[in-house]
Amino acid sequence: MSSYDLTDFEWRVIEPLLPNKPRGVPRVDDRRVLNGIFWVLRSGAPWRDLPERYGPRTTC
């Protein structure tokens, strides 16, 4: 877990606000995607430097 990742408390607050109805393409892990977005925003790094643990940058 990176220092930029959501804590369990933060995730419990955010998770109920996310859509949960399946439509079209199956959803990827929402927490992983949000952690990837927050990593880029908090680190100031370009998207191309997104670590692999967050998945492809086009998904984030």
Protein backbone atom coordinates (compact mmCIF):
# COMPACT_ATOMS: atom_id res chain seq x y z
CA MET A 1 0.00 0.00 0.00
CA SER A 2 1.43 3.33 -1.10
CA SER A 3 1.23 6.46 1.01
CA TYR A 4 -0.97 7.86 -1.79
CA ASP A 5 -3.55 5.04 -1.55
CA LEU A 6 -6.94 5.42 0.07
CA THR A 7 -7.16 4.22 3.66
CA ASP A 8 -9.85 1.70 4.59
CA PHE A 9 -11.82 4.47 6.29
CA GLU A 10 -11.68 6.72 3.21
CA TRP A 11 -12.74 3.82 0.99
CA ARG A 12 -15.74 2.99 3.24
CA VAL A 13 -16.88 6.62 2.88
CA ILE A 14 -16.45 6.75 -0.92
CA GLU A 15 -17.62 3.26 -1.94
CA PRO A 16 -21.38 3.81 -1.38
CA LEU A 17 -21.23 6.86 -3.66
CA LEU A 18 -20.00 4.88 -6.67
CA PRO A 19 -22.38 3.34 -9.24
CA ASN A 20 -22.98 -0.36 -8.70
CA LYS A 21 -25.28 -1.33 -11.58
CA PRO A 22 -23.50 -3.44 -14.20
CA ARG A 23 -23.76 -1.98 -17.70
CA GLY A 24 -21.86 -3.05 -20.79
CA VAL A 25 -18.23 -3.81 -20.05
CA PRO A 26 -17.59 -5.31 -16.59
CA ARG A 27 -16.20 -2.78 -14.13
CA VAL A 28 -12.61 -2.95 -12.99
CA ASP A 29 -11.61 -2.57 -9.36
CA ASP A 30 -12.86 0.94 -8.48
CA ARG A 31 -10.49 1.29 -5.55
CA ARG A 32 -7.47 0.51 -7.73
CA VAL A 33 -8.57 3.05 -10.35
CA LEU A 34 -9.15 5.78 -7.76
CA ASN A 35 -5.81 5.04 -6.11
CA GLY A 36 -4.16 5.42 -9.51
CA ILE A 37 -5.87 8.75 -10.13
CA PHE A 38 -4.92 10.01 -6.68
CA TRP A 39 -1.33 8.82 -7.18
CA VAL A 40 -0.98 10.99 -10.28
CA LEU A 41 -2.68 13.98 -8.67
CA ARG A 42 -0.73 13.80 -5.41
CA SER A 43 2.67 12.97 -6.89
CA GLY A 44 2.50 15.42 -9.78
CA ALA A 45 3.94 12.76 -12.09
CA PRO A 46 2.74 12.39 -15.69
CA TRP A 47 0.25 9.64 -16.50
CA ARG A 48 2.91 7.67 -18.39
CA ASP A 49 4.76 7.17 -15.07
CA LEU A 50 1.75 5.55 -13.36
CA PRO A 51 2.98 2.38 -11.55
CA GLU A 52 1.77 -0.93 -12.99
CA ARG A 53 -0.01 -1.87 -9.74
CA TYR A 54 -2.76 0.64 -10.67
CA GLY A 55 -3.38 -0.95 -14.06
CA PRO A 56 -3.14 0.67 -17.49
CA ARG A 57 -3.09 4.45 -17.50
CA THR A 58 -5.91 4.50 -20.05
CA THR A 59 -8.17 2.85 -17.46
CA CYS A 60 -7.35 5.36 -14.76
